[in-house]
Amino acid sequence: MKKVHLKIDGKEVEAEEGMTILEAARSAGIEIPTLCYHEKLAPYGACRLCTVEITRNTRTRLVTSCAYNVEDGLTVKTKSPKVQRIRKMLLELMLASAPVLSELAAQYGIEKPRFESDVTQCILCGQCVRYCAEVKGANALTFVGRGRDRRVAFVDEVVNTGVCMDCRECFNVCPTGKIPRETDGASFEGITVQDVLARAGSR
């Protein structure tokens, strides 16, 4: 595999061709925050929290590090003032609907959001939908609605086949814990999620 050399936050990094900036940074011990990234899923870039500032041939721009591949001679800044401002704004927007992100928001000096929104605890990152489709091949979750009405929903026709009963892997990929809270007490063909968890624990 061809090696690519770039600089991230002043550190010389050697990465494999085809790696993303996010993967290269993490392999070098440089952490970049993410909410919609999962190593088993195709890059999505929905939350944009992994935005970084890159420079090549005197041209500087902002990109999502989870979806941008490394390049020779690239200079990357993961914590420039511009990047920090963008992350702060994104977190303020998400915090309005997902107060559960308060700990992460506090790292950027946000005590409370300046914006108002319905509290859904969902940031529409799509991890649950994509994981169910790409990894499990079940397609038991989907997006419904548009704009402010957009949300994640279970597909009854799939759920009622029992495909979700022994899985629940979407619980673990949800960055805000929305899925397990939403399904707490929900009934699938008369079986509650608590029943499923109890059954799994008894194996």
C-alpha atoms as a PDB file:
ATOM      1  CA  MET A   1       0.000   0.000   0.000  1.00  0.00           C
ATOM      2  CA  LYS A   2       1.371   3.389  -0.989  1.00  0.00           C
ATOM      3  CA  LYS A   3       2.316   5.673   1.886  1.00  0.00           C
ATOM      4  CA  VAL A   4       1.093   9.246   2.093  1.00  0.00           C
ATOM      5  CA  HIS A   5       2.843  11.930   4.137  1.00  0.00           C
ATOM      6  CA  LEU A   6       0.974  14.843   5.639  1.00  0.00           C
ATOM      7  CA  LYS A   7       1.147  17.135   8.637  1.00  0.00           C
ATOM      8  CA  ILE A   8      -1.605  17.207  11.252  1.00  0.00           C
ATOM      9  CA  ASP A   9      -1.452  19.877  13.960  1.00  0.00           C
ATOM     10  CA  GLY A  10       2.240  20.279  13.240  1.00  0.00           C
ATOM     11  CA  LYS A  11       2.941  16.555  13.548  1.00  0.00           C
ATOM     12  CA  GLU A  12       4.413  14.618  10.615  1.00  0.00           C
ATOM     13  CA  VAL A  13       2.058  11.721   9.909  1.00  0.00           C
ATOM     14  CA  GLU A  14       2.520   8.751   7.595  1.00  0.00           C
ATOM     15  CA  ALA A  15      -0.724   7.188   6.434  1.00  0.00           C
ATOM     16  CA  GLU A  16      -1.818   4.605   3.899  1.00  0.00           C
ATOM     17  CA  GLU A  17      -3.290   5.823   0.651  1.00  0.00           C
ATOM     18  CA  GLY A  18      -7.088   5.662   0.842  1.00  0.00           C
ATOM     19  CA  MET A  19      -7.267   6.474   4.547  1.00  0.00           C
ATOM     20  CA  THR A  20      -9.368   9.429   5.597  1.00  0.00           C
ATOM     21  CA  ILE A  21      -7.920  12.349   7.528  1.00  0.00           C
ATOM     22  CA  LEU A  22      -9.883  11.170  10.552  1.00  0.00           C
ATOM     23  CA  GLU A  23      -8.360   7.693  10.374  1.00  0.00           C
ATOM     24  CA  ALA A  24      -4.867   9.104   9.882  1.00  0.00           C
ATOM     25  CA  ALA A  25      -5.257  11.510  12.785  1.00  0.00           C
ATOM     26  CA  ARG A  26      -6.486   8.810  15.153  1.00  0.00           C
ATOM     27  CA  SER A  27      -3.687   6.466  14.095  1.00  0.00           C
ATOM     28  CA  ALA A  28      -1.275   9.232  15.122  1.00  0.00           C
ATOM     29  CA  GLY A  29      -2.983   9.758  18.480  1.00  0.00           C
ATOM     30  CA  ILE A  30      -4.719  12.973  17.434  1.00  0.00           C
ATOM     31  CA  GLU A  31      -8.367  13.006  18.447  1.00  0.00           C
ATOM     32  CA  ILE A  32     -11.047  14.635  16.303  1.00  0.00           C
ATOM     33  CA  PRO A  33     -14.612  14.705  17.702  1.00  0.00           C
ATOM     34  CA  THR A  34     -17.343  12.844  15.825  1.00  0.00           C
ATOM     35  CA  LEU A  35     -20.991  11.980  16.353  1.00  0.00           C
ATOM     36  CA  CYS A  36     -22.038  10.345  13.087  1.00  0.00           C
ATOM     37  CA  TYR A  37     -18.886   8.325  12.393  1.00  0.00           C
ATOM     38  CA  HIS A  38     -18.622   4.564  12.813  1.00  0.00           C
ATOM     39  CA  GLU A  39     -15.706   2.485  11.557  1.00  0.00           C
ATOM     40  CA  LYS A  40     -18.063  -0.139  10.089  1.00  0.00           C
ATOM     41  CA  LEU A  41     -20.087   2.383   8.086  1.00  0.00           C
ATOM     42  CA  ALA A  42     -19.465   4.300   4.877  1.00  0.00           C
ATOM     43  CA  PRO A  43     -18.497   7.961   5.506  1.00  0.00           C
ATOM     44  CA  TYR A  44     -21.564  10.140   5.924  1.00  0.00           C
ATOM     45  CA  GLY A  45     -20.488  13.553   7.220  1.00  0.00           C
ATOM     46  CA  ALA A  46     -23.905  14.426   8.641  1.00  0.00           C
ATOM     47  CA  CYS A  47     -22.904  15.965  11.970  1.00  0.00           C
ATOM     48  CA  ARG A  48     -19.886  17.834  10.512  1.00  0.00           C
ATOM     49  CA  LEU A  49     -18.339  17.915  13.969  1.00  0.00           C
ATOM     50  CA  CYS A  50     -15.180  16.374  12.527  1.00  0.00           C
ATOM     51  CA  THR A  51     -14.596  19.427  10.315  1.00  0.00           C
ATOM     52  CA  VAL A  52     -10.916  20.355   9.955  1.00  0.00           C
ATOM     53  CA  GLU A  53      -8.990  23.036   8.104  1.00  0.00           C
ATOM     54  CA  ILE A  54      -6.712  21.813   5.320  1.00  0.00           C
ATOM     55  CA  THR A  55      -4.091  23.595   3.247  1.00  0.00           C
ATOM     56  CA  ARG A  56      -2.482  22.385   0.034  1.00  0.00           C
ATOM     57  CA  ASN A  57      -0.610  24.481  -2.509  1.00  0.00           C
ATOM     58  CA  THR A  58      -1.532  27.661  -0.556  1.00  0.00           C
ATOM     59  CA  ARG A  59      -5.241  26.871  -0.844  1.00  0.00           C
ATOM     60  CA  THR A  60      -7.039  26.584   2.497  1.00  0.00           C
ATOM     61  CA  ARG A  61     -10.514  25.196   3.037  1.00  0.00           C
ATOM     62  CA  LEU A  62     -12.732  23.326   5.480  1.00  0.00           C
ATOM     63  CA  VAL A  63     -13.589  19.639   4.980  1.00  0.00           C
ATOM     64  CA  THR A  64     -15.173  16.830   6.968  1.00  0.00           C
ATOM     65  CA  SER A  65     -12.271  14.648   8.050  1.00  0.00           C
ATOM     66  CA  CYS A  66     -14.352  11.450   8.062  1.00  0.00           C
ATOM     67  CA  ALA A  67     -14.985  11.727   4.323  1.00  0.00           C
ATOM     68  CA  TYR A  68     -11.817  13.376   2.994  1.00  0.00           C
ATOM     69  CA  ASN A  69      -8.914  11.142   2.002  1.00  0.00           C
ATOM     70  CA  VAL A  70      -5.322  11.920   2.914  1.00  0.00           C
ATOM     71  CA  GLU A  71      -3.061  13.526   0.310  1.00  0.00           C
ATOM     72  CA  ASP A  72       0.688  13.961   0.064  1.00  0.00           C
ATOM     73  CA  GLY A  73       1.833  17.340   1.327  1.00  0.00           C
ATOM     74  CA  LEU A  74      -1.470  18.148   3.018  1.00  0.00           C
ATOM     75  CA  THR A  75      -1.417  20.332   6.121  1.00  0.00           C
ATOM     76  CA  VAL A  76      -4.292  19.773   8.539  1.00  0.00           C
ATOM     77  CA  LYS A  77      -5.388  21.847  11.509  1.00  0.00           C
ATOM     78  CA  THR A  78      -7.904  20.146  13.779  1.00  0.00           C
ATOM     79  CA  LYS A  79      -8.261  22.954  16.317  1.00  0.00           C
ATOM     80  CA  SER A  80      -7.830  26.218  14.446  1.00  0.00           C
ATOM     81  CA  PRO A  81      -9.970  29.175  15.623  1.00  0.00           C
ATOM     82  CA  LYS A  82     -12.196  28.770  12.555  1.00  0.00           C
ATOM     83  CA  VAL A  83     -12.695  25.048  13.222  1.00  0.00           C
ATOM     84  CA  GLN A  84     -13.445  25.656  16.887  1.00  0.00           C
ATOM     85  CA  ARG A  85     -16.048  28.305  16.024  1.00  0.00           C
ATOM     86  CA  ILE A  86     -17.772  25.954  13.606  1.00  0.00           C
ATOM     87  CA  ARG A  87     -17.868  23.102  16.115  1.00  0.00           C
ATOM     88  CA  LYS A  88     -19.233  25.411  18.780  1.00  0.00           C
ATOM     89  CA  MET A  89     -22.023  26.594  16.491  1.00  0.00           C
ATOM     90  CA  LEU A  90     -22.875  23.027  15.450  1.00  0.00           C
ATOM     91  CA  LEU A  91     -23.019  21.884  19.061  1.00  0.00           C
ATOM     92  CA  GLU A  92     -25.226  24.808  20.035  1.00  0.00           C
ATOM     93  CA  LEU A  93     -27.658  23.840  17.291  1.00  0.00           C
ATOM     94  CA  MET A  94     -27.633  20.170  18.287  1.00  0.00           C
ATOM     95  CA  LEU A  95     -27.815  20.906  22.007  1.00  0.00           C
ATOM     96  CA  ALA A  96     -31.164  22.651  21.535  1.00  0.00           C
ATOM     97  CA  SER A  97     -32.778  19.367  20.501  1.00  0.00           C
ATOM     98  CA  ALA A  98     -30.420  17.005  22.336  1.00  0.00           C
ATOM     99  CA  PRO A  99     -29.571  18.310  25.840  1.00  0.00           C
ATOM    100  CA  VAL A 100     -27.842  14.998  26.490  1.00  0.00           C
ATOM    101  CA  LEU A 101     -24.875  16.479  24.606  1.00  0.00           C
ATOM    102  CA  SER A 102     -24.287  19.028  27.359  1.00  0.00           C
ATOM    103  CA  GLU A 103     -21.025  17.421  28.504  1.00  0.00           C
ATOM    104  CA  LEU A 104     -19.523  17.595  25.026  1.00  0.00           C
ATOM    105  CA  ALA A 105     -20.877  21.112  24.531  1.00  0.00           C
ATOM    106  CA  ALA A 106     -19.247  22.220  27.800  1.00  0.00           C
ATOM    107  CA  GLN A 107     -15.865  21.345  26.310  1.00  0.00           C
ATOM    108  CA  TYR A 108     -16.471  24.179  23.854  1.00  0.00           C
ATOM    109  CA  GLY A 109     -17.618  26.635  26.513  1.00  0.00           C
ATOM    110  CA  ILE A 110     -21.340  26.154  25.888  1.00  0.00           C
ATOM    111  CA  GLU A 111     -23.477  26.211  29.018  1.00  0.00           C
ATOM    112  CA  LYS A 112     -26.839  26.432  27.305  1.00  0.00           C
ATOM    113  CA  PRO A 113     -27.940  26.753  23.668  1.00  0.00           C
ATOM    114  CA  ARG A 114     -28.858  30.082  22.182  1.00  0.00           C
ATOM    115  CA  PHE A 115     -31.384  28.384  19.937  1.00  0.00           C
ATOM    116  CA  GLU A 116     -34.767  26.829  20.607  1.00  0.00           C
ATOM    117  CA  SER A 117     -36.012  23.525  19.290  1.00  0.00           C
ATOM    118  CA  ASP A 118     -38.200  20.599  20.250  1.00  0.00           C
ATOM    119  CA  VAL A 119     -36.269  18.314  22.563  1.00  0.00           C
ATOM    120  CA  THR A 120     -36.083  15.000  20.711  1.00  0.00           C
ATOM    121  CA  GLN A 121     -32.618  13.806  21.838  1.00  0.00           C
ATOM    122  CA  CYS A 122     -32.030  12.910  18.178  1.00  0.00           C
ATOM    123  CA  ILE A 123     -29.454  14.741  16.049  1.00  0.00           C
ATOM    124  CA  LEU A 124     -30.402  12.890  12.833  1.00  0.00           C
ATOM    125  CA  CYS A 125     -26.879  11.517  12.484  1.00  0.00           C
ATOM    126  CA  GLY A 126     -28.337   8.445  10.777  1.00  0.00           C
ATOM    127  CA  GLN A 127     -26.015   5.987  12.489  1.00  0.00           C
ATOM    128  CA  CYS A 128     -28.839   3.684  13.552  1.00  0.00           C
ATOM    129  CA  VAL A 129     -30.445   3.744  10.094  1.00  0.00           C
ATOM    130  CA  ARG A 130     -27.152   3.160   8.290  1.00  0.00           C
ATOM    131  CA  TYR A 131     -25.928   0.485  10.698  1.00  0.00           C
ATOM    132  CA  CYS A 132     -29.163  -1.459  10.380  1.00  0.00           C
ATOM    133  CA  ALA A 133     -28.937  -1.269   6.581  1.00  0.00           C
ATOM    134  CA  GLU A 134     -25.197  -1.539   5.917  1.00  0.00           C
ATOM    135  CA  VAL A 135     -24.083  -3.913   8.665  1.00  0.00           C
ATOM    136  CA  LYS A 136     -27.176  -5.905   9.599  1.00  0.00           C
ATOM    137  CA  GLY A 137     -28.958  -5.758   6.236  1.00  0.00           C
ATOM    138  CA  ALA A 138     -32.281  -5.574   8.082  1.00  0.00           C
ATOM    139  CA  ASN A 139     -33.521  -2.079   7.140  1.00  0.00           C
ATOM    140  CA  ALA A 140     -35.690  -1.960  10.245  1.00  0.00           C
ATOM    141  CA  LEU A 141     -35.055   1.784  10.702  1.00  0.00           C
ATOM    142  CA  THR A 142     -35.622   4.635   8.301  1.00  0.00           C
ATOM    143  CA  PHE A 143     -35.925   8.403   8.046  1.00  0.00           C
ATOM    144  CA  VAL A 144     -39.438   9.795   7.678  1.00  0.00           C
ATOM    145  CA  GLY A 145     -40.645  13.350   7.126  1.00  0.00           C
ATOM    146  CA  ARG A 146     -38.826  16.418   5.864  1.00  0.00           C
ATOM    147  CA  GLY A 147     -37.257  19.522   7.325  1.00  0.00           C
ATOM    148  CA  ARG A 148     -38.250  20.118  10.948  1.00  0.00           C
ATOM    149  CA  ASP A 149     -40.483  17.023  10.831  1.00  0.00           C
ATOM    150  CA  ARG A 150     -37.670  14.668   9.829  1.00  0.00           C
ATOM    151  CA  ARG A 151     -37.137  11.848  12.296  1.00  0.00           C
ATOM    152  CA  VAL A 152     -35.993   8.255  12.639  1.00  0.00           C
ATOM    153  CA  ALA A 153     -38.685   5.598  12.826  1.00  0.00           C
ATOM    154  CA  PHE A 154     -38.896   1.827  13.038  1.00  0.00           C
ATOM    155  CA  VAL A 155     -40.328   0.066   9.991  1.00  0.00           C
ATOM    156  CA  ASP A 156     -43.252  -1.876  11.454  1.00  0.00           C
ATOM    157  CA  GLU A 157     -43.322  -4.460   8.658  1.00  0.00           C
ATOM    158  CA  VAL A 158     -39.717  -5.403   9.446  1.00  0.00           C
ATOM    159  CA  VAL A 159     -39.848  -5.078  13.228  1.00  0.00           C
ATOM    160  CA  ASN A 160     -42.936  -7.258  13.450  1.00  0.00           C
ATOM    161  CA  THR A 161     -41.069 -10.144  11.829  1.00  0.00           C
ATOM    162  CA  GLY A 162     -39.030 -10.351  15.010  1.00  0.00           C
ATOM    163  CA  VAL A 163     -35.767  -9.318  13.370  1.00  0.00           C
ATOM    164  CA  CYS A 164     -35.076  -6.743  16.100  1.00  0.00           C
ATOM    165  CA  MET A 165     -35.669  -8.997  19.064  1.00  0.00           C
ATOM    166  CA  ASP A 166     -32.209 -10.545  19.200  1.00  0.00           C
ATOM    167  CA  CYS A 167     -30.280  -7.626  17.789  1.00  0.00           C
ATOM    168  CA  ARG A 168     -30.617  -4.202  19.437  1.00  0.00           C
ATOM    169  CA  GLU A 169     -27.202  -3.201  18.032  1.00  0.00           C
ATOM    170  CA  CYS A 170     -28.651   0.172  17.065  1.00  0.00           C
ATOM    171  CA  PHE A 171     -28.832   0.898  20.802  1.00  0.00           C
ATOM    172  CA  ASN A 172     -25.049   1.017  20.983  1.00  0.00           C
ATOM    173  CA  VAL A 173     -24.400   3.163  17.916  1.00  0.00           C
ATOM    174  CA  CYS A 174     -26.856   5.921  18.887  1.00  0.00           C
ATOM    175  CA  PRO A 175     -24.612   8.771  20.177  1.00  0.00           C
ATOM    176  CA  THR A 176     -27.370  10.345  22.255  1.00  0.00           C
ATOM    177  CA  GLY A 177     -29.017   7.191  23.597  1.00  0.00           C
ATOM    178  CA  LYS A 178     -32.249   8.163  21.841  1.00  0.00           C
ATOM    179  CA  ILE A 179     -33.053   4.674  20.527  1.00  0.00           C
ATOM    180  CA  PRO A 180     -32.961   2.784  23.851  1.00  0.00           C
ATOM    181  CA  ARG A 181     -34.941   5.539  25.571  1.00  0.00           C
ATOM    182  CA  GLU A 182     -37.511   5.715  22.773  1.00  0.00           C
ATOM    183  CA  THR A 183     -38.099   1.982  22.772  1.00  0.00           C
ATOM    184  CA  ASP A 184     -38.238   1.623  26.553  1.00  0.00           C
ATOM    185  CA  GLY A 185     -41.494  -0.152  27.164  1.00  0.00           C
ATOM    186  CA  ALA A 186     -42.375  -0.300  23.472  1.00  0.00           C
ATOM    187  CA  SER A 187     -44.114  -3.444  22.372  1.00  0.00           C
ATOM    188  CA  PHE A 188     -43.201  -5.476  19.313  1.00  0.00           C
ATOM    189  CA  GLU A 189     -45.864  -8.163  18.772  1.00  0.00           C
ATOM    190  CA  GLY A 190     -46.614  -8.089  22.497  1.00  0.00           C
ATOM    191  CA  ILE A 191     -42.962  -8.422  23.550  1.00  0.00           C
ATOM    192  CA  THR A 192     -41.452  -5.421  25.302  1.00  0.00           C
ATOM    193  CA  VAL A 193     -37.849  -4.361  24.989  1.00  0.00           C
ATOM    194  CA  GLN A 194     -37.454  -5.166  28.697  1.00  0.00           C
ATOM    195  CA  ASP A 195     -38.566  -8.716  27.900  1.00  0.00           C
ATOM    196  CA  VAL A 196     -35.957  -8.910  25.180  1.00  0.00           C
ATOM    197  CA  LEU A 197     -33.199  -7.637  27.444  1.00  0.00           C
ATOM    198  CA  ALA A 198     -34.224 -10.043  30.203  1.00  0.00           C
ATOM    199  CA  ARG A 199     -34.226 -12.915  27.746  1.00  0.00           C
ATOM    200  CA  ALA A 200     -30.800 -11.958  26.451  1.00  0.00           C
ATOM    201  CA  GLY A 201     -29.444 -11.700  29.977  1.00  0.00           C
ATOM    202  CA  SER A 202     -30.671 -15.183  30.842  1.00  0.00           C
ATOM    203  CA  ARG A 203     -28.684 -16.867  28.069  1.00  0.00           C
END
